[in-house]
Amino acid sequence: MKPIILLPEAEQEMLEAAFYYQSKASGLGIDYLSEVERAVEAIAESPYTWPILEGELRRRLVRRFPFSVLYRIDPDEIVVIAVAHLSKRPGYWKKRIINSRLR
């Protein structure tokens, strides 16, 4: 299995969503993080399973929550570009694709 790297922006938005859900109901933030972790583990086990969203970018939906994990498969690793809400700010993550190649 290839290692999975989360861009700092992807990790930040994931944590912000967890804090939001936790503020709504005790334990809901933990549930959210668990579902994101399951999605990332599924990507690690079988990265080519999930559909291409655009170019090289693939998308794995997160169960129970309106989020998806957007990722790219590189030769040596899998790069998570965003943990994106499905209906907020569509396409905001596109600039990250170019910026992530410069890191």
Protein backbone atom coordinates (compact mmCIF):
# COMPACT_ATOMS: atom_id res chain seq x y z
CA MET A 1 0.00 0.00 0.00
CA LYS A 2 1.11 3.51 -0.75
CA PRO A 3 1.28 5.98 2.12
CA ILE A 4 -1.46 8.59 2.29
CA ILE A 5 -0.49 12.24 2.74
CA LEU A 6 -3.08 14.87 3.67
CA LEU A 7 -2.37 18.39 2.53
CA PRO A 8 -2.38 20.71 5.56
CA GLU A 9 -5.46 22.46 4.16
CA ALA A 10 -7.31 19.14 3.89
CA GLU A 11 -6.42 18.22 7.45
CA GLN A 12 -7.51 21.65 8.68
CA GLU A 13 -10.92 21.48 6.99
CA MET A 14 -11.45 17.96 8.31
CA LEU A 15 -10.74 19.10 11.86
CA GLU A 16 -12.94 22.19 11.51
CA ALA A 17 -15.84 19.99 10.41
CA ALA A 18 -15.22 17.65 13.36
CA PHE A 19 -15.32 20.58 15.80
CA TYR A 20 -18.51 21.82 14.18
CA TYR A 21 -20.24 18.43 14.48
CA GLN A 22 -18.99 17.99 18.04
CA SER A 23 -20.53 21.37 18.95
CA LYS A 24 -23.89 20.15 17.63
CA ALA A 25 -23.99 16.86 19.53
CA SER A 26 -21.60 15.12 21.88
CA GLY A 27 -19.75 12.36 20.04
CA LEU A 28 -20.83 13.47 16.57
CA GLY A 29 -17.41 14.95 15.81
CA ILE A 30 -15.78 11.64 16.71
CA ASP A 31 -18.27 9.82 14.48
CA TYR A 32 -17.38 12.16 11.62
CA LEU A 33 -13.64 11.56 12.07
CA SER A 34 -14.22 7.81 12.19
CA GLU A 35 -16.12 7.89 8.90
CA VAL A 36 -13.41 10.01 7.25
CA GLU A 37 -10.80 7.55 8.53
CA ARG A 38 -12.77 4.64 7.05
CA ALA A 39 -12.93 6.43 3.72
CA VAL A 40 -9.17 7.07 3.76
CA GLU A 41 -8.47 3.44 4.70
CA ALA A 42 -10.64 2.27 1.78
CA ILE A 43 -8.67 4.56 -0.53
CA ALA A 44 -5.37 3.16 0.77
CA GLU A 45 -6.52 -0.42 0.22
CA SER A 46 -7.89 0.13 -3.27
CA PRO A 47 -7.11 3.60 -4.65
CA TYR A 48 -8.28 2.95 -8.21
CA THR A 49 -11.76 1.84 -7.11
CA TRP A 50 -13.21 5.31 -6.67
CA PRO A 51 -14.34 7.36 -9.65
CA ILE A 52 -12.36 10.10 -11.34
CA LEU A 53 -13.87 13.49 -10.61
CA GLU A 54 -11.66 15.60 -12.83
CA GLY A 55 -8.27 15.03 -14.47
CA GLU A 56 -6.28 12.84 -12.06
CA LEU A 57 -8.48 13.65 -9.09
CA ARG A 58 -10.64 10.91 -7.60
CA ARG A 59 -13.47 11.14 -5.10
CA ARG A 60 -14.50 8.84 -2.27
CA LEU A 61 -17.73 9.76 -0.50
CA VAL A 62 -17.85 9.75 3.31
CA ARG A 63 -20.69 7.72 4.82
CA ARG A 64 -23.32 9.48 6.97
CA PHE A 65 -21.90 12.94 6.30
CA PRO A 66 -22.11 15.22 3.25
CA PHE A 67 -18.37 15.13 2.58
CA SER A 68 -15.99 13.54 0.12
CA VAL A 69 -12.28 12.81 0.18
CA LEU A 70 -10.63 14.18 -2.97
CA TYR A 71 -7.29 12.58 -3.77
CA ARG A 72 -4.63 12.05 -6.38
CA ILE A 73 -2.55 8.89 -6.89
CA ASP A 74 1.13 9.70 -7.30
CA PRO A 75 3.85 7.14 -8.06
CA ASP A 76 4.99 6.89 -4.42
CA GLU A 77 2.01 8.12 -2.41
CA ILE A 78 -1.64 9.10 -2.37
CA VAL A 79 -2.25 12.80 -1.78
CA VAL A 80 -5.51 13.93 -0.18
CA ILE A 81 -6.26 17.33 -1.70
CA ALA A 82 -9.45 18.08 0.24
CA VAL A 83 -12.04 16.73 2.64
CA ALA A 84 -14.79 18.71 0.96
CA HIS A 85 -18.39 19.41 1.87
CA LEU A 86 -20.55 18.29 -1.03
CA SER A 87 -22.56 21.49 -1.39
CA LYS A 88 -20.36 24.30 -0.11
CA ARG A 89 -18.02 26.27 -2.36
CA PRO A 90 -17.77 23.85 -5.28
CA GLY A 91 -14.33 23.73 -6.83
CA TYR A 92 -12.56 25.75 -4.12
CA TRP A 93 -9.93 23.02 -3.87
CA LYS A 94 -8.83 23.24 -7.53
CA LYS A 95 -5.95 25.62 -6.78
CA ARG A 96 -4.60 23.06 -4.31
CA ILE A 97 -3.93 20.56 -7.10
CA ILE A 98 -1.34 22.83 -8.70
CA ASN A 99 0.07 24.04 -5.37
CA SER A 100 0.44 20.46 -4.07
CA ARG A 101 2.74 19.57 -6.96
CA LEU A 102 5.07 22.41 -5.97
CA ARG A 103 5.61 21.07 -2.43
